[in-house]
């Protein structure tokens, strides 16, 4: 792969020295290698993660359907409430409607709007959770497609291994972003082509272009699977090798994080989500405060 800094990361397990003293499934290996049992555990966890995320997606979609249905019902009720309020205000003098009734109708309508805003915010969060779970499921699916993936730095020096792993993982994050963006754009283009033209009876050149895009998509997903697997394996190696670093060199690890870009990205996304949540809460609190102030003013006037 072009992202491994020229290091040959593949090796043939048949060249490893065999021993009859241990079960080969749990054959002890150097901290600089991944044992067969560790790869089996990683693959099992990945398959479990895929199953968990698929179940989570189904549950979140059910919740989303229920929330969306509730919002539609409340929007209809809010529209009717607003129309009734406007009619009541125009005919208040003719019908001699007490002001208390008008105030109650206003308060009820405002409550409906607040409930719709809160449910809309919940719907947005559900969409975010569904997208995150779908990405996790896709990642697990791709990783599990390479159960026999092998990787070896070819060195046994802790400090050099940490340095190489850190550089490799930085390149992996860049490659991951490029592949994910390319796959997303290619998938959208394929869907648009199939929706615009009937694939069973396509225009000249459409079928061949879609076939080419699908072949490229499969190739990119295979490479992305290797990137995901390399991220898992290099992370495991990093943790194992880090234990071999002397205490007086532990400070070096602070400057060699496993995923500096990913960590920074997650922190930024968490900060943005928190800012959006606080902003939405402030708007709702401000609206409710205004409603309470208006209600207090009406009670004072009526008193």
C-alpha atoms as a PDB file:
ATOM      1  CA  UNK A   1       0.000   0.000   0.000  1.00  0.00           C
ATOM      2  CA  UNK A   2       1.295   3.567  -0.660  1.00  0.00           C
ATOM      3  CA  UNK A   3       0.702   4.585   2.949  1.00  0.00           C
ATOM      4  CA  UNK A   4       3.133   2.256   4.694  1.00  0.00           C
ATOM      5  CA  UNK A   5       6.188   4.483   4.164  1.00  0.00           C
ATOM      6  CA  UNK A   6       7.794   1.856   1.941  1.00  0.00           C
ATOM      7  CA  UNK A   7       7.822  -0.824   4.650  1.00  0.00           C
ATOM      8  CA  UNK A   8       6.862  -4.296   3.491  1.00  0.00           C
ATOM      9  CA  UNK A   9       4.046  -5.073   5.906  1.00  0.00           C
ATOM     10  CA  UNK A  10       3.134  -8.523   4.672  1.00  0.00           C
ATOM     11  CA  UNK A  11       4.739 -11.786   5.723  1.00  0.00           C
ATOM     12  CA  UNK A  12       4.127 -15.461   5.104  1.00  0.00           C
ATOM     13  CA  UNK A  13       3.089 -17.345   8.207  1.00  0.00           C
ATOM     14  CA  UNK A  14       4.415 -20.572   6.695  1.00  0.00           C
ATOM     15  CA  UNK A  15       7.953 -19.225   7.206  1.00  0.00           C
ATOM     16  CA  UNK A  16       7.470 -18.967  10.968  1.00  0.00           C
ATOM     17  CA  UNK A  17       9.231 -21.580  13.044  1.00  0.00           C
ATOM     18  CA  UNK A  18       6.832 -24.261  14.246  1.00  0.00           C
ATOM     19  CA  UNK A  19       6.934 -25.746  17.718  1.00  0.00           C
ATOM     20  CA  UNK A  20       5.234 -28.769  19.200  1.00  0.00           C
ATOM     21  CA  UNK A  21       5.452 -27.435  22.757  1.00  0.00           C
ATOM     22  CA  UNK A  22       2.389 -25.212  22.414  1.00  0.00           C
ATOM     23  CA  UNK A  23      -0.998 -25.224  20.833  1.00  0.00           C
ATOM     24  CA  UNK A  24      -0.509 -23.220  17.621  1.00  0.00           C
ATOM     25  CA  UNK A  25      -3.817 -21.444  18.232  1.00  0.00           C
ATOM     26  CA  UNK A  26      -2.321 -19.834  21.336  1.00  0.00           C
ATOM     27  CA  UNK A  27       1.311 -19.908  20.279  1.00  0.00           C
ATOM     28  CA  UNK A  28       3.129 -17.196  22.297  1.00  0.00           C
ATOM     29  CA  UNK A  29       4.678 -14.536  20.102  1.00  0.00           C
ATOM     30  CA  UNK A  30       6.798 -11.446  20.487  1.00  0.00           C
ATOM     31  CA  UNK A  31       5.126  -8.151  21.532  1.00  0.00           C
ATOM     32  CA  UNK A  32       6.068  -6.992  18.037  1.00  0.00           C
ATOM     33  CA  UNK A  33       3.764  -9.555  16.386  1.00  0.00           C
ATOM     34  CA  UNK A  34       0.049 -10.330  16.375  1.00  0.00           C
ATOM     35  CA  UNK A  35      -0.754 -13.878  17.464  1.00  0.00           C
ATOM     36  CA  UNK A  36      -3.386 -16.017  15.712  1.00  0.00           C
ATOM     37  CA  UNK A  37      -5.513 -15.950  18.857  1.00  0.00           C
ATOM     38  CA  UNK A  38      -5.396 -12.136  18.969  1.00  0.00           C
ATOM     39  CA  UNK A  39      -6.501 -11.942  15.332  1.00  0.00           C
ATOM     40  CA  UNK A  40      -9.306 -14.418  16.063  1.00  0.00           C
ATOM     41  CA  UNK A  41     -10.457 -12.351  19.032  1.00  0.00           C
ATOM     42  CA  UNK A  42     -10.376  -9.152  16.973  1.00  0.00           C
ATOM     43  CA  UNK A  43     -12.382 -10.799  14.205  1.00  0.00           C
ATOM     44  CA  UNK A  44     -14.959 -12.143  16.673  1.00  0.00           C
ATOM     45  CA  UNK A  45     -15.332  -8.749  18.333  1.00  0.00           C
ATOM     46  CA  UNK A  46     -15.746  -7.151  14.923  1.00  0.00           C
ATOM     47  CA  UNK A  47     -18.532  -9.558  13.966  1.00  0.00           C
ATOM     48  CA  UNK A  48     -20.249  -8.939  17.302  1.00  0.00           C
ATOM     49  CA  UNK A  49     -19.915  -5.194  16.763  1.00  0.00           C
ATOM     50  CA  UNK A  50     -21.551  -5.490  13.333  1.00  0.00           C
ATOM     51  CA  UNK A  51     -24.475  -7.470  14.807  1.00  0.00           C
ATOM     52  CA  UNK A  52     -24.857  -4.981  17.658  1.00  0.00           C
ATOM     53  CA  UNK A  53     -24.820  -1.966  15.353  1.00  0.00           C
ATOM     54  CA  UNK A  54     -27.376  -3.509  12.981  1.00  0.00           C
ATOM     55  CA  UNK A  55     -29.742  -4.120  15.910  1.00  0.00           C
ATOM     56  CA  UNK A  56     -29.098  -0.578  17.153  1.00  0.00           C
ATOM     57  CA  UNK A  57     -29.872   0.878  13.727  1.00  0.00           C
ATOM     58  CA  UNK A  58     -33.207  -0.976  13.635  1.00  0.00           C
ATOM     59  CA  UNK A  59     -34.120   0.313  17.097  1.00  0.00           C
ATOM     60  CA  UNK A  60     -33.122   3.891  16.232  1.00  0.00           C
ATOM     61  CA  UNK A  61     -35.104   3.804  12.991  1.00  0.00           C
ATOM     62  CA  UNK A  62     -38.184   2.597  14.888  1.00  0.00           C
ATOM     63  CA  UNK A  63     -37.755   5.496  17.332  1.00  0.00           C
ATOM     64  CA  UNK A  64     -37.309   7.920  14.461  1.00  0.00           C
ATOM     65  CA  UNK A  65     -40.496   6.722  12.771  1.00  0.00           C
ATOM     66  CA  UNK A  66     -42.445   7.203  15.998  1.00  0.00           C
ATOM     67  CA  UNK A  67     -41.008  10.678  16.649  1.00  0.00           C
ATOM     68  CA  UNK A  68     -41.595  11.778  13.042  1.00  0.00           C
ATOM     69  CA  UNK A  69     -45.205  10.567  13.247  1.00  0.00           C
ATOM     70  CA  UNK A  70     -45.715  12.489  16.498  1.00  0.00           C
ATOM     71  CA  UNK A  71     -44.262  15.654  14.951  1.00  0.00           C
ATOM     72  CA  UNK A  72     -46.620  15.433  11.966  1.00  0.00           C
ATOM     73  CA  UNK A  73     -49.603  15.017  14.278  1.00  0.00           C
ATOM     74  CA  UNK A  74     -48.521  17.959  16.456  1.00  0.00           C
ATOM     75  CA  UNK A  75     -47.920  20.137  13.379  1.00  0.00           C
ATOM     76  CA  UNK A  76     -51.480  19.513  12.204  1.00  0.00           C
ATOM     77  CA  UNK A  77     -52.759  20.287  15.688  1.00  0.00           C
ATOM     78  CA  UNK A  78     -50.600  23.428  15.838  1.00  0.00           C
ATOM     79  CA  UNK A  79     -51.917  24.632  12.476  1.00  0.00           C
ATOM     80  CA  UNK A  80     -55.494  24.157  13.644  1.00  0.00           C
ATOM     81  CA  UNK A  81     -54.706  25.809  16.988  1.00  0.00           C
ATOM     82  CA  UNK A  82     -53.190  28.835  15.269  1.00  0.00           C
ATOM     83  CA  UNK A  83     -56.175  29.201  12.936  1.00  0.00           C
ATOM     84  CA  UNK A  84     -58.651  28.888  15.819  1.00  0.00           C
ATOM     85  CA  UNK A  85     -56.697  31.490  17.805  1.00  0.00           C
ATOM     86  CA  UNK A  86     -56.733  33.980  14.936  1.00  0.00           C
ATOM     87  CA  UNK A  87     -60.465  33.493  14.416  1.00  0.00           C
ATOM     88  CA  UNK A  88     -61.141  33.869  18.149  1.00  0.00           C
ATOM     89  CA  UNK A  89     -59.162  37.113  18.279  1.00  0.00           C
ATOM     90  CA  UNK A  90     -61.001  38.598  15.270  1.00  0.00           C
ATOM     91  CA  UNK A  91     -64.422  37.655  16.687  1.00  0.00           C
ATOM     92  CA  UNK A  92     -63.630  38.365  20.342  1.00  0.00           C
ATOM     93  CA  UNK A  93     -65.732  41.530  20.493  1.00  0.00           C
ATOM     94  CA  UNK A  94     -68.614  40.059  18.521  1.00  0.00           C
ATOM     95  CA  UNK A  95     -68.748  36.858  20.563  1.00  0.00           C
ATOM     96  CA  UNK A  96     -67.727  38.641  23.780  1.00  0.00           C
ATOM     97  CA  UNK A  97     -65.110  35.991  24.413  1.00  0.00           C
ATOM     98  CA  UNK A  98     -63.406  36.457  27.813  1.00  0.00           C
ATOM     99  CA  UNK A  99     -59.739  37.402  27.638  1.00  0.00           C
ATOM    100  CA  UNK A 100     -58.901  34.422  29.859  1.00  0.00           C
ATOM    101  CA  UNK A 101     -60.002  32.068  27.091  1.00  0.00           C
ATOM    102  CA  UNK A 102     -57.885  33.886  24.507  1.00  0.00           C
ATOM    103  CA  UNK A 103     -54.887  33.760  26.866  1.00  0.00           C
ATOM    104  CA  UNK A 104     -55.405  30.024  27.422  1.00  0.00           C
ATOM    105  CA  UNK A 105     -55.554  29.420  23.673  1.00  0.00           C
ATOM    106  CA  UNK A 106     -52.314  31.384  23.193  1.00  0.00           C
ATOM    107  CA  UNK A 107     -50.586  29.402  25.933  1.00  0.00           C
ATOM    108  CA  UNK A 108     -51.773  26.095  24.492  1.00  0.00           C
ATOM    109  CA  UNK A 109     -50.524  27.048  21.033  1.00  0.00           C
ATOM    110  CA  UNK A 110     -47.131  28.136  22.427  1.00  0.00           C
ATOM    111  CA  UNK A 111     -46.848  24.819  24.284  1.00  0.00           C
ATOM    112  CA  UNK A 112     -47.454  22.925  21.042  1.00  0.00           C
ATOM    113  CA  UNK A 113     -44.694  24.887  19.294  1.00  0.00           C
ATOM    114  CA  UNK A 114     -42.251  24.146  22.119  1.00  0.00           C
ATOM    115  CA  UNK A 115     -43.086  20.425  21.961  1.00  0.00           C
ATOM    116  CA  UNK A 116     -42.569  20.412  18.187  1.00  0.00           C
ATOM    117  CA  UNK A 117     -39.178  22.131  18.568  1.00  0.00           C
ATOM    118  CA  UNK A 118     -38.066  19.628  21.216  1.00  0.00           C
ATOM    119  CA  UNK A 119     -39.152  16.649  19.103  1.00  0.00           C
ATOM    120  CA  UNK A 120     -37.465  18.117  16.027  1.00  0.00           C
ATOM    121  CA  UNK A 121     -34.234  18.381  17.996  1.00  0.00           C
ATOM    122  CA  UNK A 122     -34.692  14.764  19.109  1.00  0.00           C
ATOM    123  CA  UNK A 123     -35.274  13.740  15.479  1.00  0.00           C
ATOM    124  CA  UNK A 124     -32.034  15.428  14.423  1.00  0.00           C
ATOM    125  CA  UNK A 125     -30.129  13.605  17.161  1.00  0.00           C
ATOM    126  CA  UNK A 126     -31.650  10.297  16.069  1.00  0.00           C
ATOM    127  CA  UNK A 127     -30.531  10.936  12.487  1.00  0.00           C
ATOM    128  CA  UNK A 128     -27.011  11.599  13.776  1.00  0.00           C
ATOM    129  CA  UNK A 129     -27.053   8.407  15.864  1.00  0.00           C
ATOM    130  CA  UNK A 130     -28.339   6.354  12.924  1.00  0.00           C
ATOM    131  CA  UNK A 131     -25.608   7.695  10.653  1.00  0.00           C
ATOM    132  CA  UNK A 132     -22.941   6.995  13.286  1.00  0.00           C
ATOM    133  CA  UNK A 133     -24.229   3.447  13.851  1.00  0.00           C
ATOM    134  CA  UNK A 134     -24.380   2.834  10.090  1.00  0.00           C
ATOM    135  CA  UNK A 135     -20.761   3.941   9.706  1.00  0.00           C
ATOM    136  CA  UNK A 136     -19.716   1.673  12.579  1.00  0.00           C
ATOM    137  CA  UNK A 137     -21.597  -1.261  11.040  1.00  0.00           C
ATOM    138  CA  UNK A 138     -19.974  -0.663   7.644  1.00  0.00           C
ATOM    139  CA  UNK A 139     -16.565  -0.459   9.280  1.00  0.00           C
ATOM    140  CA  UNK A 140     -17.114  -3.733  11.159  1.00  0.00           C
ATOM    141  CA  UNK A 141     -18.393  -5.415   7.987  1.00  0.00           C
ATOM    142  CA  UNK A 142     -15.309  -4.384   6.037  1.00  0.00           C
ATOM    143  CA  UNK A 143     -12.895  -5.431   8.781  1.00  0.00           C
ATOM    144  CA  UNK A 144     -14.502  -8.860   9.117  1.00  0.00           C
ATOM    145  CA  UNK A 145     -13.982  -9.386   5.374  1.00  0.00           C
ATOM    146  CA  UNK A 146     -10.233  -9.756   6.018  1.00  0.00           C
ATOM    147  CA  UNK A 147      -9.978 -12.374   8.803  1.00  0.00           C
ATOM    148  CA  UNK A 148      -6.497 -13.593   7.718  1.00  0.00           C
ATOM    149  CA  UNK A 149      -4.931 -10.169   7.317  1.00  0.00           C
ATOM    150  CA  UNK A 150      -1.230 -10.206   8.350  1.00  0.00           C
ATOM    151  CA  UNK A 151       1.025  -7.335   9.323  1.00  0.00           C
ATOM    152  CA  UNK A 152       4.609  -7.074  10.567  1.00  0.00           C
ATOM    153  CA  UNK A 153       6.907  -4.080  10.963  1.00  0.00           C
ATOM    154  CA  UNK A 154       9.935  -6.356  10.665  1.00  0.00           C
ATOM    155  CA  UNK A 155      11.785  -4.716  13.589  1.00  0.00           C
ATOM    156  CA  UNK A 156      12.041  -5.379  17.319  1.00  0.00           C
ATOM    157  CA  UNK A 157      13.121  -2.024  18.765  1.00  0.00           C
ATOM    158  CA  UNK A 158      10.409  -0.468  20.992  1.00  0.00           C
ATOM    159  CA  UNK A 159      11.217   3.211  20.384  1.00  0.00           C
ATOM    160  CA  UNK A 160      11.618   2.772  16.626  1.00  0.00           C
ATOM    161  CA  UNK A 161       8.458   0.649  16.461  1.00  0.00           C
ATOM    162  CA  UNK A 162       6.458   3.343  18.287  1.00  0.00           C
ATOM    163  CA  UNK A 163       7.786   6.007  15.929  1.00  0.00           C
ATOM    164  CA  UNK A 164       6.960   3.983  12.818  1.00  0.00           C
ATOM    165  CA  UNK A 165       3.518   3.010  14.119  1.00  0.00           C
ATOM    166  CA  UNK A 166       2.670   6.639  14.897  1.00  0.00           C
ATOM    167  CA  UNK A 167       3.664   7.785  11.418  1.00  0.00           C
ATOM    168  CA  UNK A 168       1.844   4.877   9.809  1.00  0.00           C
ATOM    169  CA  UNK A 169      -1.363   5.548  11.741  1.00  0.00           C
ATOM    170  CA  UNK A 170      -1.287   9.229  10.779  1.00  0.00           C
ATOM    171  CA  UNK A 171      -1.072   8.222   7.120  1.00  0.00           C
ATOM    172  CA  UNK A 172      -3.842   5.677   7.656  1.00  0.00           C
ATOM    173  CA  UNK A 173      -6.160   8.388   8.963  1.00  0.00           C
ATOM    174  CA  UNK A 174      -5.498  10.542   5.884  1.00  0.00           C
ATOM    175  CA  UNK A 175      -6.072   7.549   3.606  1.00  0.00           C
ATOM    176  CA  UNK A 176      -9.236   6.594   5.485  1.00  0.00           C
ATOM    177  CA  UNK A 177     -10.717  10.055   4.983  1.00  0.00           C
ATOM    178  CA  UNK A 178      -9.879  10.060   1.274  1.00  0.00           C
ATOM    179  CA  UNK A 179     -11.350   6.588   0.717  1.00  0.00           C
ATOM    180  CA  UNK A 180     -14.530   7.296   2.715  1.00  0.00           C
ATOM    181  CA  UNK A 181     -15.146  10.559   0.837  1.00  0.00           C
ATOM    182  CA  UNK A 182     -14.440   8.929  -2.539  1.00  0.00           C
ATOM    183  CA  UNK A 183     -16.695   5.951  -1.770  1.00  0.00           C
ATOM    184  CA  UNK A 184     -19.497   8.268  -0.624  1.00  0.00           C
ATOM    185  CA  UNK A 185     -19.277  10.362  -3.800  1.00  0.00           C
ATOM    186  CA  UNK A 186     -19.065   7.300  -6.034  1.00  0.00           C
ATOM    187  CA  UNK A 187     -22.056   5.674  -4.328  1.00  0.00           C
ATOM    188  CA  UNK A 188     -24.100   8.841  -4.836  1.00  0.00           C
ATOM    189  CA  UNK A 189     -23.124   8.983  -8.511  1.00  0.00           C
ATOM    190  CA  UNK A 190     -24.141   5.355  -9.055  1.00  0.00           C
ATOM    191  CA  UNK A 191     -27.503   5.912  -7.354  1.00  0.00           C
ATOM    192  CA  UNK A 192     -28.138   9.075  -9.377  1.00  0.00           C
ATOM    193  CA  UNK A 193     -27.337   7.251 -12.624  1.00  0.00           C
ATOM    194  CA  UNK A 194     -29.670   4.375 -11.786  1.00  0.00           C
ATOM    195  CA  UNK A 195     -32.470   6.753 -10.771  1.00  0.00           C
ATOM    196  CA  UNK A 196     -32.086   9.007 -13.800  1.00  0.00           C
ATOM    197  CA  UNK A 197     -31.919   6.234 -16.383  1.00  0.00           C
ATOM    198  CA  UNK A 198     -33.660   2.875 -16.392  1.00  0.00           C
ATOM    199  CA  UNK A 199     -30.777   0.441 -16.081  1.00  0.00           C
ATOM    200  CA  UNK A 200     -32.754  -2.335 -17.814  1.00  0.00           C
ATOM    201  CA  UNK A 201     -32.981  -0.195 -20.944  1.00  0.00           C
ATOM    202  CA  UNK A 202     -30.245   2.406 -20.525  1.00  0.00           C
ATOM    203  CA  UNK A 203     -28.976   5.098 -22.807  1.00  0.00           C
ATOM    204  CA  UNK A 204     -25.750   4.381 -24.668  1.00  0.00           C
ATOM    205  CA  UNK A 205     -22.802   4.357 -22.333  1.00  0.00           C
ATOM    206  CA  UNK A 206     -24.799   4.503 -19.090  1.00  0.00           C
ATOM    207  CA  UNK A 207     -24.615   0.778 -18.341  1.00  0.00           C
ATOM    208  CA  UNK A 208     -20.884   0.543 -18.972  1.00  0.00           C
ATOM    209  CA  UNK A 209     -20.216   3.628 -16.826  1.00  0.00           C
ATOM    210  CA  UNK A 210     -22.260   2.213 -13.931  1.00  0.00           C
ATOM    211  CA  UNK A 211     -20.429  -1.100 -14.193  1.00  0.00           C
ATOM    212  CA  UNK A 212     -17.081   0.689 -14.125  1.00  0.00           C
ATOM    213  CA  UNK A 213     -18.132   2.737 -11.104  1.00  0.00           C
ATOM    214  CA  UNK A 214     -19.282  -0.370  -9.264  1.00  0.00           C
ATOM    215  CA  UNK A 215     -15.994  -2.150  -9.972  1.00  0.00           C
ATOM    216  CA  UNK A 216     -14.069   0.863  -8.682  1.00  0.00           C
ATOM    217  CA  UNK A 217     -16.349   0.994  -5.640  1.00  0.00           C
ATOM    218  CA  UNK A 218     -15.563  -2.626  -4.793  1.00  0.00           C
ATOM    219  CA  UNK A 219     -11.834  -1.943  -5.197  1.00  0.00           C
ATOM    220  CA  UNK A 220     -12.012   1.107  -2.921  1.00  0.00           C
ATOM    221  CA  UNK A 221     -13.994  -0.796  -0.276  1.00  0.00           C
ATOM    222  CA  UNK A 222     -11.377  -3.564  -0.301  1.00  0.00           C
ATOM    223  CA  UNK A 223      -8.640  -0.997   0.277  1.00  0.00           C
ATOM    224  CA  UNK A 224     -10.690   0.692   2.984  1.00  0.00           C
ATOM    225  CA  UNK A 225     -11.101  -2.686   4.685  1.00  0.00           C
ATOM    226  CA  UNK A 226      -7.307  -3.016   4.730  1.00  0.00           C
ATOM    227  CA  UNK A 227      -7.000   0.488   6.197  1.00  0.00           C
ATOM    228  CA  UNK A 228      -9.510  -0.284   8.961  1.00  0.00           C
ATOM    229  CA  UNK A 229      -7.775  -3.579   9.748  1.00  0.00           C
ATOM    230  CA  UNK A 230      -4.371  -1.926   9.802  1.00  0.00           C
ATOM    231  CA  UNK A 231      -5.725   0.672  12.228  1.00  0.00           C
ATOM    232  CA  UNK A 232      -6.885  -2.060  14.574  1.00  0.00           C
ATOM    233  CA  UNK A 233      -3.705  -4.118  14.331  1.00  0.00           C
ATOM    234  CA  UNK A 234      -1.332  -1.152  14.649  1.00  0.00           C
ATOM    235  CA  UNK A 235      -3.340   0.083  17.637  1.00  0.00           C
ATOM    236  CA  UNK A 236      -2.958  -3.300  19.323  1.00  0.00           C
ATOM    237  CA  UNK A 237       0.766  -3.368  18.534  1.00  0.00           C
ATOM    238  CA  UNK A 238       1.174   0.180  19.843  1.00  0.00           C
ATOM    239  CA  UNK A 239      -0.377  -0.758  23.191  1.00  0.00           C
ATOM    240  CA  UNK A 240       1.769  -3.903  23.468  1.00  0.00           C
ATOM    241  CA  UNK A 241       5.027  -2.179  22.536  1.00  0.00           C
ATOM    242  CA  UNK A 242       4.322   0.867  24.715  1.00  0.00           C
ATOM    243  CA  UNK A 243       4.657  -1.373  27.777  1.00  0.00           C
ATOM    244  CA  UNK A 244       8.286  -2.050  26.774  1.00  0.00           C
ATOM    245  CA  UNK A 245       9.271   1.630  26.808  1.00  0.00           C
ATOM    246  CA  UNK A 246      11.337   2.479  29.939  1.00  0.00           C
ATOM    247  CA  UNK A 247       9.778   4.857  32.458  1.00  0.00           C
ATOM    248  CA  UNK A 248      12.295   7.593  31.650  1.00  0.00           C
ATOM    249  CA  UNK A 249      11.072   7.507  28.030  1.00  0.00           C
ATOM    250  CA  UNK A 250       7.348   7.412  28.739  1.00  0.00           C
ATOM    251  CA  UNK A 251       7.166  11.146  28.056  1.00  0.00           C
ATOM    252  CA  UNK A 252       7.906  10.339  24.410  1.00  0.00           C
ATOM    253  CA  UNK A 253       4.563   8.556  24.106  1.00  0.00           C
ATOM    254  CA  UNK A 254       2.745  11.835  24.735  1.00  0.00           C
ATOM    255  CA  UNK A 255       4.232  13.092  21.481  1.00  0.00           C
ATOM    256  CA  UNK A 256       3.450   9.901  19.604  1.00  0.00           C
ATOM    257  CA  UNK A 257      -0.308   9.441  19.973  1.00  0.00           C
ATOM    258  CA  UNK A 258      -1.929   6.524  18.187  1.00  0.00           C
ATOM    259  CA  UNK A 259      -4.506   8.647  16.379  1.00  0.00           C
ATOM    260  CA  UNK A 260      -3.644  12.350  16.774  1.00  0.00           C
ATOM    261  CA  UNK A 261      -5.834  13.427  13.862  1.00  0.00           C
ATOM    262  CA  UNK A 262      -8.756  11.205  14.767  1.00  0.00           C
ATOM    263  CA  UNK A 263      -8.634  12.264  18.412  1.00  0.00           C
ATOM    264  CA  UNK A 264      -8.553  15.938  17.461  1.00  0.00           C
ATOM    265  CA  UNK A 265     -11.420  15.412  15.026  1.00  0.00           C
ATOM    266  CA  UNK A 266     -13.531  13.667  17.672  1.00  0.00           C
ATOM    267  CA  UNK A 267     -12.855  16.448  20.175  1.00  0.00           C
ATOM    268  CA  UNK A 268     -13.878  19.083  17.643  1.00  0.00           C
ATOM    269  CA  UNK A 269     -17.051  17.199  16.728  1.00  0.00           C
ATOM    270  CA  UNK A 270     -17.963  16.741  20.404  1.00  0.00           C
ATOM    271  CA  UNK A 271     -17.390  20.458  21.013  1.00  0.00           C
ATOM    272  CA  UNK A 272     -19.591  21.400  18.040  1.00  0.00           C
ATOM    273  CA  UNK A 273     -22.371  19.031  19.127  1.00  0.00           C
ATOM    274  CA  UNK A 274     -22.219  20.364  22.673  1.00  0.00           C
ATOM    275  CA  UNK A 275     -22.344  23.963  21.412  1.00  0.00           C
ATOM    276  CA  UNK A 276     -25.390  23.167  19.253  1.00  0.00           C
ATOM    277  CA  UNK A 277     -27.104  21.418  22.173  1.00  0.00           C
ATOM    278  CA  UNK A 278     -26.469  24.349  24.524  1.00  0.00           C
ATOM    279  CA  UNK A 279     -27.693  26.807  21.885  1.00  0.00           C
ATOM    280  CA  UNK A 280     -30.918  24.837  21.398  1.00  0.00           C
ATOM    281  CA  UNK A 281     -31.447  24.640  25.167  1.00  0.00           C
ATOM    282  CA  UNK A 282     -30.888  28.413  25.463  1.00  0.00           C
ATOM    283  CA  UNK A 283     -33.472  29.125  22.752  1.00  0.00           C
ATOM    284  CA  UNK A 284     -36.049  26.862  24.417  1.00  0.00           C
ATOM    285  CA  UNK A 285     -35.321  28.355  27.852  1.00  0.00           C
ATOM    286  CA  UNK A 286     -35.647  31.878  26.448  1.00  0.00           C
ATOM    287  CA  UNK A 287     -38.966  31.025  24.812  1.00  0.00           C
ATOM    288  CA  UNK A 288     -40.333  29.454  27.973  1.00  0.00           C
ATOM    289  CA  UNK A 289     -39.195  32.427  30.042  1.00  0.00           C
ATOM    290  CA  UNK A 290     -40.990  34.763  27.639  1.00  0.00           C
ATOM    291  CA  UNK A 291     -44.127  32.627  27.931  1.00  0.00           C
ATOM    292  CA  UNK A 292     -43.974  32.718  31.736  1.00  0.00           C
ATOM    293  CA  UNK A 293     -43.433  36.489  31.697  1.00  0.00           C
ATOM    294  CA  UNK A 294     -46.400  36.955  29.368  1.00  0.00           C
ATOM    295  CA  UNK A 295     -48.571  34.710  31.540  1.00  0.00           C
ATOM    296  CA  UNK A 296     -47.548  36.621  34.683  1.00  0.00           C
ATOM    297  CA  UNK A 297     -48.372  39.906  32.979  1.00  0.00           C
ATOM    298  CA  UNK A 298     -51.814  38.617  31.991  1.00  0.00           C
ATOM    299  CA  UNK A 299     -52.520  37.481  35.558  1.00  0.00           C
ATOM    300  CA  UNK A 300     -51.493  40.887  36.905  1.00  0.00           C
ATOM    301  CA  UNK A 301     -53.701  42.697  34.402  1.00  0.00           C
ATOM    302  CA  UNK A 302     -56.631  40.421  35.136  1.00  0.00           C
ATOM    303  CA  UNK A 303     -56.124  40.898  38.875  1.00  0.00           C
END
